[in-house]
Amino acid sequence: MVRGIILAGAAALLISSAAIAQQAGSAAPQSVKRTDIIAKLDSGFATLDTNHDGFLSVAELQAGQTHELQQIEARRKAEIEAKFKQLDTNHDGQLSLVEFSAAVPEVRAQLTPQQVLQSLDSNHDGKVSAAEFRASRLQSFDEMDTNHDGVVTAAEAQAYARTHQPR
């Protein structure tokens, strides 16, 4: 039972530490020594073991979890406030549609018109005919239409999507 409480405490410490790292946006370490993990676990255990009896009770685990959640919430609140202040360019404590819209990334095409022309212009004459325009799309349709009945069913489209996902 005592071992279960200790393991639960260690698991709680690891889970909460992972949550803090995720909230803080920190990158995962490249390599970690076992001795460093043991030192961190021992330090975390000592912090949680408020009555210093060498064991973690449910109350101590709950207090530790509550403390860590409060720290995460405080950091999250600070990040939100900082972002709001950044967006509130006229410093009136409110976001107008113009201020909010300024934070939204601009919509851009992935390819330039020249790149699109190059990909569609199969005879390389510098222009795209209706046949060239249809060709690549019809090729994909024909690949999806596995039973070649001229209809792509939902099942055929899903099967195609599974096998042609970008990597």
N, C-alpha and C. Protein backbone atom coordinates (compact mmCIF):
# COMPACT_ATOMS: atom_id res chain seq x y z
N MET A 1 0.83 -1.19 0.00
CA MET A 1 0.00 0.00 0.00
C MET A 1 0.87 1.26 0.00
N VAL A 2 1.89 1.28 0.87
CA VAL A 2 2.79 2.42 0.94
C VAL A 2 3.50 2.60 -0.39
N ARG A 3 3.94 1.47 -0.96
CA ARG A 3 4.62 1.54 -2.26
C ARG A 3 3.68 2.11 -3.32
N GLY A 4 2.38 1.72 -3.25
CA GLY A 4 1.39 2.25 -4.19
C GLY A 4 1.24 3.75 -4.06
N ILE A 5 1.25 4.25 -2.83
CA ILE A 5 1.14 5.69 -2.62
C ILE A 5 2.36 6.41 -3.17
N ILE A 6 3.54 5.83 -2.93
CA ILE A 6 4.77 6.44 -3.44
C ILE A 6 4.77 6.44 -4.97
N LEU A 7 4.39 5.31 -5.56
CA LEU A 7 4.33 5.25 -7.02
C LEU A 7 3.30 6.22 -7.57
N ALA A 8 2.16 6.32 -6.88
CA ALA A 8 1.13 7.27 -7.31
C ALA A 8 1.67 8.69 -7.23
N GLY A 9 2.42 8.97 -6.17
CA GLY A 9 3.01 10.30 -6.03
C GLY A 9 4.02 10.59 -7.13
N ALA A 10 4.85 9.61 -7.41
CA ALA A 10 5.84 9.78 -8.48
C ALA A 10 5.14 9.98 -9.82
N ALA A 11 4.10 9.18 -10.05
CA ALA A 11 3.35 9.33 -11.30
C ALA A 11 2.70 10.69 -11.38
N ALA A 12 2.13 11.13 -10.27
CA ALA A 12 1.50 12.46 -10.25
C ALA A 12 2.52 13.54 -10.52
N LEU A 13 3.71 13.40 -9.93
CA LEU A 13 4.77 14.37 -10.15
C LEU A 13 5.18 14.41 -11.62
N LEU A 14 5.36 13.23 -12.21
CA LEU A 14 5.75 13.17 -13.62
C LEU A 14 4.67 13.74 -14.52
N ILE A 15 3.42 13.37 -14.25
CA ILE A 15 2.31 13.85 -15.08
C ILE A 15 2.18 15.36 -14.95
N SER A 16 2.23 15.86 -13.72
CA SER A 16 2.09 17.29 -13.54
C SER A 16 3.27 18.04 -14.13
N SER A 17 4.48 17.48 -14.04
CA SER A 17 5.65 18.12 -14.65
C SER A 17 5.51 18.16 -16.16
N ALA A 18 4.97 17.08 -16.74
CA ALA A 18 4.74 17.06 -18.19
C ALA A 18 3.70 18.10 -18.56
N ALA A 19 2.66 18.24 -17.73
CA ALA A 19 1.63 19.24 -18.01
C ALA A 19 2.21 20.65 -17.94
N ILE A 20 3.06 20.88 -16.96
CA ILE A 20 3.68 22.20 -16.84
C ILE A 20 4.56 22.48 -18.05
N ALA A 21 5.35 21.50 -18.45
CA ALA A 21 6.21 21.67 -19.62
C ALA A 21 5.38 21.95 -20.86
N GLN A 22 4.27 21.24 -21.00
CA GLN A 22 3.40 21.44 -22.16
C GLN A 22 2.80 22.83 -22.12
N GLN A 23 2.30 23.26 -20.95
CA GLN A 23 1.72 24.57 -20.81
C GLN A 23 2.74 25.65 -21.09
N ALA A 24 3.96 25.44 -20.64
CA ALA A 24 5.01 26.44 -20.82
C ALA A 24 5.55 26.43 -22.24
N GLY A 25 5.21 25.41 -23.02
CA GLY A 25 5.67 25.33 -24.40
C GLY A 25 7.12 24.95 -24.53
N SER A 26 7.69 24.35 -23.50
CA SER A 26 9.09 23.98 -23.56
C SER A 26 9.28 22.73 -24.41
N ALA A 27 10.42 22.67 -25.05
CA ALA A 27 10.72 21.52 -25.90
C ALA A 27 11.20 20.36 -25.04
N ALA A 28 11.00 19.17 -25.52
CA ALA A 28 11.46 17.98 -24.80
C ALA A 28 12.98 17.97 -24.80
N PRO A 29 13.60 17.52 -23.70
CA PRO A 29 15.06 17.48 -23.66
C PRO A 29 15.60 16.46 -24.65
N GLN A 30 16.81 16.71 -25.13
CA GLN A 30 17.44 15.81 -26.08
C GLN A 30 17.82 14.49 -25.43
N SER A 31 18.42 14.56 -24.24
CA SER A 31 18.78 13.36 -23.51
C SER A 31 18.70 13.67 -22.03
N VAL A 32 18.38 12.65 -21.26
CA VAL A 32 18.22 12.82 -19.82
C VAL A 32 18.91 11.65 -19.13
N LYS A 33 19.71 11.97 -18.13
CA LYS A 33 20.38 10.92 -17.37
C LYS A 33 19.43 10.37 -16.32
N ARG A 34 19.55 9.09 -16.05
CA ARG A 34 18.73 8.44 -15.03
C ARG A 34 18.96 9.09 -13.67
N THR A 35 20.20 9.44 -13.39
CA THR A 35 20.51 10.08 -12.10
C THR A 35 19.82 11.43 -11.96
N ASP A 36 19.68 12.15 -13.08
CA ASP A 36 18.97 13.43 -13.05
C ASP A 36 17.48 13.22 -12.77
N ILE A 37 16.91 12.16 -13.36
CA ILE A 37 15.50 11.85 -13.11
C ILE A 37 15.30 11.49 -11.64
N ILE A 38 16.20 10.68 -11.11
CA ILE A 38 16.09 10.28 -9.70
C ILE A 38 16.18 11.51 -8.80
N ALA A 39 17.12 12.41 -9.09
CA ALA A 39 17.27 13.62 -8.28
C ALA A 39 16.01 14.48 -8.35
N LYS A 40 15.44 14.59 -9.55
CA LYS A 40 14.22 15.39 -9.73
C LYS A 40 13.05 14.74 -8.99
N LEU A 41 12.94 13.42 -9.09
CA LEU A 41 11.86 12.71 -8.39
C LEU A 41 12.02 12.85 -6.87
N ASP A 42 13.25 12.71 -6.38
CA ASP A 42 13.49 12.84 -4.94
C ASP A 42 13.14 14.25 -4.46
N SER A 43 13.52 15.24 -5.24
CA SER A 43 13.21 16.62 -4.89
C SER A 43 11.71 16.85 -4.88
N GLY A 44 11.04 16.34 -5.91
CA GLY A 44 9.58 16.47 -5.97
C GLY A 44 8.89 15.76 -4.83
N PHE A 45 9.40 14.57 -4.50
CA PHE A 45 8.84 13.81 -3.38
C PHE A 45 8.99 14.61 -2.09
N ALA A 46 10.19 15.14 -1.86
CA ALA A 46 10.45 15.92 -0.64
C ALA A 46 9.53 17.14 -0.57
N THR A 47 9.27 17.75 -1.70
CA THR A 47 8.37 18.91 -1.73
C THR A 47 6.94 18.49 -1.38
N LEU A 48 6.52 17.34 -1.90
CA LEU A 48 5.16 16.87 -1.63
C LEU A 48 4.99 16.33 -0.21
N ASP A 49 6.04 15.77 0.34
CA ASP A 49 5.99 15.15 1.68
C ASP A 49 6.09 16.25 2.74
N THR A 50 5.02 17.00 2.92
CA THR A 50 5.04 18.17 3.79
C THR A 50 5.22 17.84 5.27
N ASN A 51 4.80 16.65 5.69
CA ASN A 51 4.99 16.29 7.10
C ASN A 51 6.29 15.51 7.33
N HIS A 52 7.07 15.32 6.27
CA HIS A 52 8.40 14.71 6.33
C HIS A 52 8.42 13.32 6.99
N ASP A 53 7.36 12.53 6.71
CA ASP A 53 7.33 11.18 7.29
C ASP A 53 7.84 10.12 6.32
N GLY A 54 8.28 10.55 5.13
CA GLY A 54 8.80 9.60 4.16
C GLY A 54 7.73 8.94 3.31
N PHE A 55 6.48 9.40 3.44
CA PHE A 55 5.37 8.84 2.68
C PHE A 55 4.49 9.97 2.17
N LEU A 56 3.79 9.69 1.08
CA LEU A 56 2.85 10.67 0.54
C LEU A 56 1.42 10.20 0.81
N SER A 57 0.68 11.05 1.44
CA SER A 57 -0.73 10.74 1.70
C SER A 57 -1.57 11.34 0.57
N VAL A 58 -2.81 10.95 0.54
CA VAL A 58 -3.74 11.51 -0.46
C VAL A 58 -3.82 13.02 -0.28
N ALA A 59 -3.86 13.47 0.97
CA ALA A 59 -3.95 14.91 1.24
C ALA A 59 -2.72 15.65 0.71
N GLU A 60 -1.53 15.07 0.90
CA GLU A 60 -0.31 15.70 0.40
C GLU A 60 -0.29 15.73 -1.13
N LEU A 61 -0.73 14.63 -1.75
CA LEU A 61 -0.80 14.59 -3.21
C LEU A 61 -1.80 15.62 -3.73
N GLN A 62 -2.92 15.72 -3.06
CA GLN A 62 -3.94 16.68 -3.47
C GLN A 62 -3.43 18.11 -3.33
N ALA A 63 -2.74 18.39 -2.23
CA ALA A 63 -2.18 19.73 -2.03
C ALA A 63 -1.14 20.05 -3.10
N GLY A 64 -0.29 19.07 -3.42
CA GLY A 64 0.71 19.28 -4.46
C GLY A 64 0.08 19.52 -5.82
N GLN A 65 -0.93 18.73 -6.12
CA GLN A 65 -1.62 18.89 -7.41
C GLN A 65 -2.31 20.25 -7.48
N THR A 66 -2.97 20.64 -6.40
CA THR A 66 -3.65 21.93 -6.37
C THR A 66 -2.65 23.06 -6.58
N HIS A 67 -1.50 22.98 -5.92
CA HIS A 67 -0.46 24.00 -6.07
C HIS A 67 0.03 24.09 -7.52
N GLU A 68 0.30 22.94 -8.13
CA GLU A 68 0.79 22.94 -9.51
C GLU A 68 -0.27 23.47 -10.47
N LEU A 69 -1.53 23.10 -10.26
CA LEU A 69 -2.60 23.61 -11.12
C LEU A 69 -2.74 25.13 -10.98
N GLN A 70 -2.56 25.64 -9.78
CA GLN A 70 -2.61 27.09 -9.57
C GLN A 70 -1.47 27.78 -10.31
N GLN A 71 -0.28 27.17 -10.30
CA GLN A 71 0.86 27.75 -11.03
C GLN A 71 0.59 27.75 -12.54
N ILE A 72 0.06 26.65 -13.04
CA ILE A 72 -0.25 26.56 -14.48
C ILE A 72 -1.29 27.61 -14.84
N GLU A 73 -2.32 27.73 -14.04
CA GLU A 73 -3.38 28.71 -14.31
C GLU A 73 -2.84 30.13 -14.26
N ALA A 74 -1.95 30.42 -13.33
CA ALA A 74 -1.36 31.76 -13.24
C ALA A 74 -0.54 32.08 -14.48
N ARG A 75 0.25 31.10 -14.95
CA ARG A 75 1.04 31.31 -16.17
C ARG A 75 0.13 31.50 -17.38
N ARG A 76 -0.91 30.68 -17.46
CA ARG A 76 -1.86 30.79 -18.57
C ARG A 76 -2.54 32.14 -18.58
N LYS A 77 -2.95 32.61 -17.41
CA LYS A 77 -3.60 33.91 -17.30
C LYS A 77 -2.64 35.02 -17.73
N ALA A 78 -1.39 34.94 -17.31
CA ALA A 78 -0.39 35.94 -17.68
C ALA A 78 -0.18 35.96 -19.19
N GLU A 79 -0.13 34.78 -19.82
CA GLU A 79 0.05 34.70 -21.27
C GLU A 79 -1.15 35.31 -22.00
N ILE A 80 -2.35 35.03 -21.51
CA ILE A 80 -3.56 35.58 -22.13
C ILE A 80 -3.57 37.10 -22.00
N GLU A 81 -3.25 37.60 -20.81
CA GLU A 81 -3.22 39.05 -20.60
C GLU A 81 -2.18 39.72 -21.50
N ALA A 82 -1.01 39.09 -21.63
CA ALA A 82 0.04 39.66 -22.48
C ALA A 82 -0.42 39.69 -23.94
N LYS A 83 -1.06 38.62 -24.38
CA LYS A 83 -1.55 38.58 -25.77
C LYS A 83 -2.64 39.63 -25.98
N PHE A 84 -3.53 39.77 -25.00
CA PHE A 84 -4.58 40.78 -25.11
C PHE A 84 -3.97 42.17 -25.22
N LYS A 85 -2.99 42.47 -24.36
CA LYS A 85 -2.35 43.79 -24.41
C LYS A 85 -1.66 44.02 -25.75
N GLN A 86 -1.10 42.96 -26.29
CA GLN A 86 -0.44 43.08 -27.60
C GLN A 86 -1.47 43.39 -28.68
N LEU A 87 -2.63 42.77 -28.61
CA LEU A 87 -3.66 42.99 -29.63
C LEU A 87 -4.38 44.33 -29.44
N ASP A 88 -4.50 44.80 -28.21
CA ASP A 88 -5.21 46.04 -27.91
C ASP A 88 -4.31 47.23 -28.22
N THR A 89 -4.17 47.51 -29.50
CA THR A 89 -3.20 48.51 -29.95
C THR A 89 -3.54 49.93 -29.52
N ASN A 90 -4.82 50.23 -29.29
CA ASN A 90 -5.15 51.58 -28.84
C ASN A 90 -5.28 51.66 -27.32
N HIS A 91 -5.00 50.56 -26.62
CA HIS A 91 -4.94 50.49 -25.16
C HIS A 91 -6.21 50.98 -24.47
N ASP A 92 -7.37 50.61 -25.05
CA ASP A 92 -8.63 51.00 -24.42
C ASP A 92 -9.26 49.87 -23.60
N GLY A 93 -8.56 48.76 -23.48
CA GLY A 93 -9.07 47.64 -22.70
C GLY A 93 -10.11 46.80 -23.42
N GLN A 94 -10.30 47.07 -24.70
CA GLN A 94 -11.26 46.32 -25.51
C GLN A 94 -10.61 45.99 -26.85
N LEU A 95 -11.05 44.90 -27.45
CA LEU A 95 -10.56 44.55 -28.78
C LEU A 95 -11.63 44.88 -29.81
N SER A 96 -11.27 45.72 -30.75
CA SER A 96 -12.17 45.99 -31.85
C SER A 96 -12.00 44.89 -32.90
N LEU A 97 -12.90 44.83 -33.83
CA LEU A 97 -12.78 43.85 -34.91
C LEU A 97 -11.48 44.08 -35.69
N VAL A 98 -11.11 45.32 -35.87
CA VAL A 98 -9.88 45.65 -36.60
C VAL A 98 -8.66 45.11 -35.83
N GLU A 99 -8.62 45.33 -34.51
CA GLU A 99 -7.49 44.85 -33.71
C GLU A 99 -7.43 43.33 -33.71
N PHE A 100 -8.59 42.69 -33.54
CA PHE A 100 -8.64 41.24 -33.51
C PHE A 100 -8.25 40.66 -34.87
N SER A 101 -8.76 41.26 -35.93
CA SER A 101 -8.47 40.77 -37.29
C SER A 101 -6.99 40.91 -37.63
N ALA A 102 -6.34 41.90 -37.06
CA ALA A 102 -4.91 42.09 -37.34
C ALA A 102 -4.08 40.91 -36.84
N ALA A 103 -4.59 40.18 -35.86
CA ALA A 103 -3.85 39.04 -35.31
C ALA A 103 -4.04 37.77 -36.12
N VAL A 104 -5.03 37.76 -37.00
CA VAL A 104 -5.31 36.57 -37.80
C VAL A 104 -4.35 36.54 -38.99
N PRO A 105 -3.67 35.43 -39.19
CA PRO A 105 -2.72 35.37 -40.31
C PRO A 105 -3.42 35.57 -41.66
N GLU A 106 -2.69 36.18 -42.54
CA GLU A 106 -3.19 36.44 -43.89
C GLU A 106 -3.33 35.12 -44.66
N VAL A 107 -4.37 35.03 -45.46
CA VAL A 107 -4.57 33.84 -46.30
C VAL A 107 -3.71 34.02 -47.55
N ARG A 108 -2.90 33.00 -47.82
CA ARG A 108 -2.01 33.06 -48.98
C ARG A 108 -2.09 31.76 -49.77
N ALA A 109 -1.87 31.87 -51.04
CA ALA A 109 -1.83 30.69 -51.90
C ALA A 109 -0.53 29.93 -51.64
N GLN A 110 -0.62 28.61 -51.71
CA GLN A 110 0.58 27.80 -51.51
C GLN A 110 1.51 27.86 -52.71
N LEU A 111 0.94 28.01 -53.88
CA LEU A 111 1.74 28.04 -55.12
C LEU A 111 1.50 29.36 -55.85
N THR A 112 2.52 29.82 -56.54
CA THR A 112 2.36 31.01 -57.37
C THR A 112 1.61 30.61 -58.64
N PRO A 113 1.02 31.57 -59.34
CA PRO A 113 0.37 31.23 -60.61
C PRO A 113 1.32 30.57 -61.60
N GLN A 114 2.58 30.97 -61.57
CA GLN A 114 3.57 30.37 -62.46
C GLN A 114 3.78 28.89 -62.12
N GLN A 115 3.80 28.57 -60.83
CA GLN A 115 3.96 27.18 -60.42
C GLN A 115 2.73 26.35 -60.80
N VAL A 116 1.56 26.93 -60.67
CA VAL A 116 0.34 26.22 -61.06
C VAL A 116 0.36 25.96 -62.56
N LEU A 117 0.71 26.99 -63.35
CA LEU A 117 0.78 26.83 -64.81
C LEU A 117 1.76 25.73 -65.18
N GLN A 118 2.92 25.74 -64.52
CA GLN A 118 3.95 24.74 -64.82
C GLN A 118 3.44 23.33 -64.50
N SER A 119 2.71 23.18 -63.41
CA SER A 119 2.24 21.84 -63.04
C SER A 119 1.12 21.35 -63.96
N LEU A 120 0.33 22.25 -64.51
CA LEU A 120 -0.80 21.84 -65.37
C LEU A 120 -0.44 21.79 -66.85
N ASP A 121 0.52 22.54 -67.28
CA ASP A 121 0.89 22.67 -68.70
C ASP A 121 1.72 21.47 -69.14
N SER A 122 1.04 20.37 -69.44
CA SER A 122 1.74 19.12 -69.75
C SER A 122 2.50 19.18 -71.08
N ASN A 123 2.08 20.01 -72.04
CA ASN A 123 2.81 20.09 -73.32
C ASN A 123 3.79 21.26 -73.34
N HIS A 124 3.92 21.96 -72.23
CA HIS A 124 4.91 23.04 -72.04
C HIS A 124 4.83 24.13 -73.12
N ASP A 125 3.60 24.51 -73.46
CA ASP A 125 3.44 25.59 -74.44
C ASP A 125 3.17 26.94 -73.79
N GLY A 126 3.22 27.00 -72.46
CA GLY A 126 3.03 28.25 -71.75
C GLY A 126 1.59 28.61 -71.48
N LYS A 127 0.66 27.71 -71.80
CA LYS A 127 -0.75 27.94 -71.52
C LYS A 127 -1.41 26.61 -71.19
N VAL A 128 -2.56 26.69 -70.52
CA VAL A 128 -3.26 25.49 -70.06
C VAL A 128 -4.57 25.35 -70.83
N SER A 129 -4.70 24.25 -71.55
CA SER A 129 -5.95 23.98 -72.27
C SER A 129 -6.95 23.35 -71.31
N ALA A 130 -8.19 23.25 -71.75
CA ALA A 130 -9.23 22.62 -70.93
C ALA A 130 -8.86 21.16 -70.65
N ALA A 131 -8.31 20.49 -71.63
CA ALA A 131 -7.92 19.08 -71.45
C ALA A 131 -6.81 18.96 -70.42
N GLU A 132 -5.83 19.86 -70.47
CA GLU A 132 -4.75 19.83 -69.48
C GLU A 132 -5.29 20.14 -68.09
N PHE A 133 -6.24 21.09 -68.02
CA PHE A 133 -6.83 21.48 -66.75
C PHE A 133 -7.56 20.30 -66.09
N ARG A 134 -8.26 19.51 -66.91
CA ARG A 134 -9.02 18.35 -66.40
C ARG A 134 -8.13 17.16 -66.09
N ALA A 135 -7.04 17.00 -66.78
CA ALA A 135 -6.25 15.76 -66.76
C ALA A 135 -5.86 15.28 -65.37
N SER A 136 -5.22 16.12 -64.56
CA SER A 136 -4.75 15.65 -63.26
C SER A 136 -5.91 15.33 -62.32
N ARG A 137 -6.96 16.13 -62.40
CA ARG A 137 -8.12 15.87 -61.54
C ARG A 137 -8.83 14.59 -61.96
N LEU A 138 -8.95 14.36 -63.24
CA LEU A 138 -9.58 13.13 -63.72
C LEU A 138 -8.72 11.91 -63.41
N GLN A 139 -7.41 12.09 -63.43
CA GLN A 139 -6.51 10.99 -63.08
C GLN A 139 -6.75 10.57 -61.63
N SER A 140 -6.86 11.54 -60.73
CA SER A 140 -7.14 11.24 -59.32
C SER A 140 -8.51 10.58 -59.18
N PHE A 141 -9.52 11.09 -59.91
CA PHE A 141 -10.85 10.48 -59.87
C PHE A 141 -10.78 9.03 -60.31
N ASP A 142 -10.10 8.78 -61.41
CA ASP A 142 -10.00 7.41 -61.93
C ASP A 142 -9.28 6.48 -60.95
N GLU A 143 -8.27 7.02 -60.23
CA GLU A 143 -7.58 6.21 -59.23
C GLU A 143 -8.51 5.87 -58.06
N MET A 144 -9.37 6.81 -57.70
CA MET A 144 -10.30 6.58 -56.59
C MET A 144 -11.40 5.59 -56.99
N ASP A 145 -11.84 5.66 -58.23
CA ASP A 145 -12.94 4.83 -58.73
C ASP A 145 -12.43 3.41 -58.99
N THR A 146 -12.24 2.67 -57.92
CA THR A 146 -11.58 1.36 -58.02
C THR A 146 -12.38 0.33 -58.80
N ASN A 147 -13.70 0.46 -58.83
CA ASN A 147 -14.48 -0.50 -59.60
C ASN A 147 -14.81 0.02 -61.00
N HIS A 148 -14.29 1.19 -61.34
CA HIS A 148 -14.39 1.79 -62.67
C HIS A 148 -15.84 1.89 -63.18
N ASP A 149 -16.75 2.29 -62.26
CA ASP A 149 -18.14 2.45 -62.68
C ASP A 149 -18.51 3.91 -62.93
N GLY A 150 -17.53 4.82 -62.86
CA GLY A 150 -17.79 6.23 -63.12
C GLY A 150 -18.34 6.96 -61.91
N VAL A 151 -18.36 6.31 -60.76
CA VAL A 151 -18.86 6.92 -59.52
C VAL A 151 -17.86 6.63 -58.41
N VAL A 152 -17.48 7.66 -57.69
CA VAL A 152 -16.61 7.48 -56.53
C VAL A 152 -17.49 7.49 -55.29
N THR A 153 -17.56 6.36 -54.63
CA THR A 153 -18.37 6.25 -53.41
C THR A 153 -17.58 6.79 -52.23
N ALA A 154 -18.27 7.01 -51.12
CA ALA A 154 -17.61 7.47 -49.90
C ALA A 154 -16.54 6.47 -49.48
N ALA A 155 -16.85 5.19 -49.61
CA ALA A 155 -15.88 4.15 -49.22
C ALA A 155 -14.63 4.21 -50.10
N GLU A 156 -14.81 4.44 -51.40
CA GLU A 156 -13.66 4.54 -52.31
C GLU A 156 -12.82 5.78 -51.99
N ALA A 157 -13.49 6.88 -51.68
CA ALA A 157 -12.78 8.12 -51.35
C ALA A 157 -11.99 7.95 -50.06
N GLN A 158 -12.59 7.29 -49.07
CA GLN A 158 -11.90 7.06 -47.80
C GLN A 158 -10.70 6.14 -48.00
N ALA A 159 -10.87 5.09 -48.79
CA ALA A 159 -9.76 4.16 -49.05
C ALA A 159 -8.62 4.89 -49.76
N TYR A 160 -8.96 5.75 -50.71
CA TYR A 160 -7.96 6.53 -51.43
C TYR A 160 -7.23 7.47 -50.48
N ALA A 161 -7.99 8.13 -49.61
CA ALA A 161 -7.39 9.07 -48.66
C ALA A 161 -6.42 8.37 -47.71
N ARG A 162 -6.77 7.16 -47.29
CA ARG A 162 -5.89 6.39 -46.38
C ARG A 162 -4.57 6.04 -47.04
N THR A 163 -4.61 5.73 -48.33
CA THR A 163 -3.40 5.30 -49.01
C THR A 163 -2.62 6.45 -49.65
N HIS A 164 -3.21 7.62 -49.70
CA HIS A 164 -2.54 8.77 -50.35
C HIS A 164 -2.38 9.95 -49.39
N GLN A 165 -2.22 9.68 -48.11
CA GLN A 165 -2.03 10.76 -47.15
C GLN A 165 -0.64 11.33 -47.31
N PRO A 166 -0.52 12.67 -47.19
CA PRO A 166 0.82 13.29 -47.26
C PRO A 166 1.67 12.81 -46.09
N ARG A 167 2.93 12.61 -46.32
CA ARG A 167 3.84 12.15 -45.25
C ARG A 167 4.79 13.22 -44.86
